[in-house]
Protein backbone atom coordinates (compact mmCIF):
# COMPACT_ATOMS: atom_id res chain seq x y z
CA MET A 1 0.00 0.00 0.00
CA SER A 2 1.53 3.32 -1.04
CA SER A 3 0.94 6.63 0.65
CA ALA A 4 0.35 10.00 -0.97
CA PHE A 5 3.96 10.97 -0.18
CA ASP A 6 5.31 8.03 -2.20
CA ASP A 7 3.71 9.32 -5.40
CA CYS A 8 4.86 12.96 -5.24
CA LEU A 9 7.52 14.62 -7.35
CA ARG A 10 10.59 15.80 -5.41
CA PRO A 11 12.52 18.46 -7.34
CA TYR A 12 14.83 21.07 -5.87
CA GLY A 13 13.67 24.66 -6.26
CA THR A 14 14.78 28.20 -5.56
CA ILE A 15 12.82 30.62 -3.36
CA LEU A 16 11.81 33.69 -5.39
CA LYS A 17 9.93 35.66 -2.74
CA THR A 18 8.05 35.39 0.55
CA ILE A 19 4.29 35.84 0.13
CA SER A 20 3.39 35.56 3.82
CA PRO A 21 4.85 33.75 6.84
CA GLY A 22 5.14 30.10 5.79
CA LEU A 23 4.10 30.76 2.17
CA TYR A 24 6.61 31.30 -0.63
CA GLU A 25 6.91 31.54 -4.38
CA ALA A 26 9.52 29.06 -5.65
CA ALA A 27 10.99 28.37 -9.07
CA LEU A 28 11.40 24.82 -10.34
CA PRO A 29 14.51 23.83 -12.34
CA ASN A 30 12.55 24.34 -15.58
CA GLY A 31 11.71 27.93 -14.57
CA LYS A 32 8.04 27.35 -13.66
CA ALA A 33 6.93 29.24 -10.55
CA VAL A 34 4.88 27.43 -7.89
CA ILE A 35 3.34 28.43 -4.56
CA ALA A 36 5.11 26.55 -1.77
CA HIS A 37 4.21 26.18 1.91
CA LEU A 38 6.22 24.77 4.80
CA SER A 39 5.80 21.12 5.70
CA ARG A 40 4.27 20.36 9.08
CA GLU A 41 7.71 19.54 10.53
CA LEU A 42 9.21 22.85 9.34
CA ALA A 43 6.14 24.87 10.35
CA ALA A 44 6.58 23.74 13.97
CA ALA A 45 9.83 25.75 14.13
CA PRO A 46 9.80 27.94 11.00
CA PRO A 47 13.29 28.53 9.57
CA GLU A 48 14.39 31.83 8.09
CA ILE A 49 14.33 31.16 4.32
CA PRO A 50 15.96 33.97 2.32
CA ASN A 51 15.24 34.70 -1.33
CA GLY A 52 17.52 32.57 -3.51
CA ALA A 53 17.64 29.67 -1.02
CA THR A 54 17.58 26.14 -2.42
CA VAL A 55 14.80 23.93 -1.04
CA LEU A 56 13.57 20.40 -1.61
CA LEU A 57 9.96 20.52 -2.79
CA GLU A 58 7.25 17.86 -2.80
CA ILE A 59 4.65 18.27 -5.54
CA SER A 60 1.50 16.21 -5.99
CA PRO A 61 1.06 14.94 -9.56
CA PHE A 62 -2.58 16.09 -9.30
CA ASP A 63 -1.79 19.79 -8.67
CA LEU A 64 1.48 20.95 -10.23
CA ASP A 65 0.99 24.59 -9.17
CA ARG A 66 1.39 24.01 -5.41
CA ALA A 67 4.28 22.50 -3.48
CA ARG A 68 5.36 21.65 0.04
CA ILE A 69 8.83 22.65 1.25
CA ALA A 70 10.26 19.44 2.70
CA LYS A 71 13.81 20.58 3.42
CA VAL A 72 15.90 23.74 3.33
CA GLU A 73 19.46 23.19 2.11
CA GLN A 74 22.24 23.95 4.61
CA GLY A 75 24.09 27.23 4.23
CA CYS A 76 20.95 29.37 3.86
């Protein structure tokens, strides 16, 4: 039995801008912009994510315009 997390796409992206606390606009490697929110684990202790930071995104194959930020790369 697979979970919803097993079927998601996991590209790296770049933060373009902060929309509101916990909500960001991120660019995929192909240049497409998506709306990204913090995962539940990151939202518990929200990190400071500057513009230009590299993040690991999780995208559902059913809605390619929204993403979850799963991990922020070190050095941000």
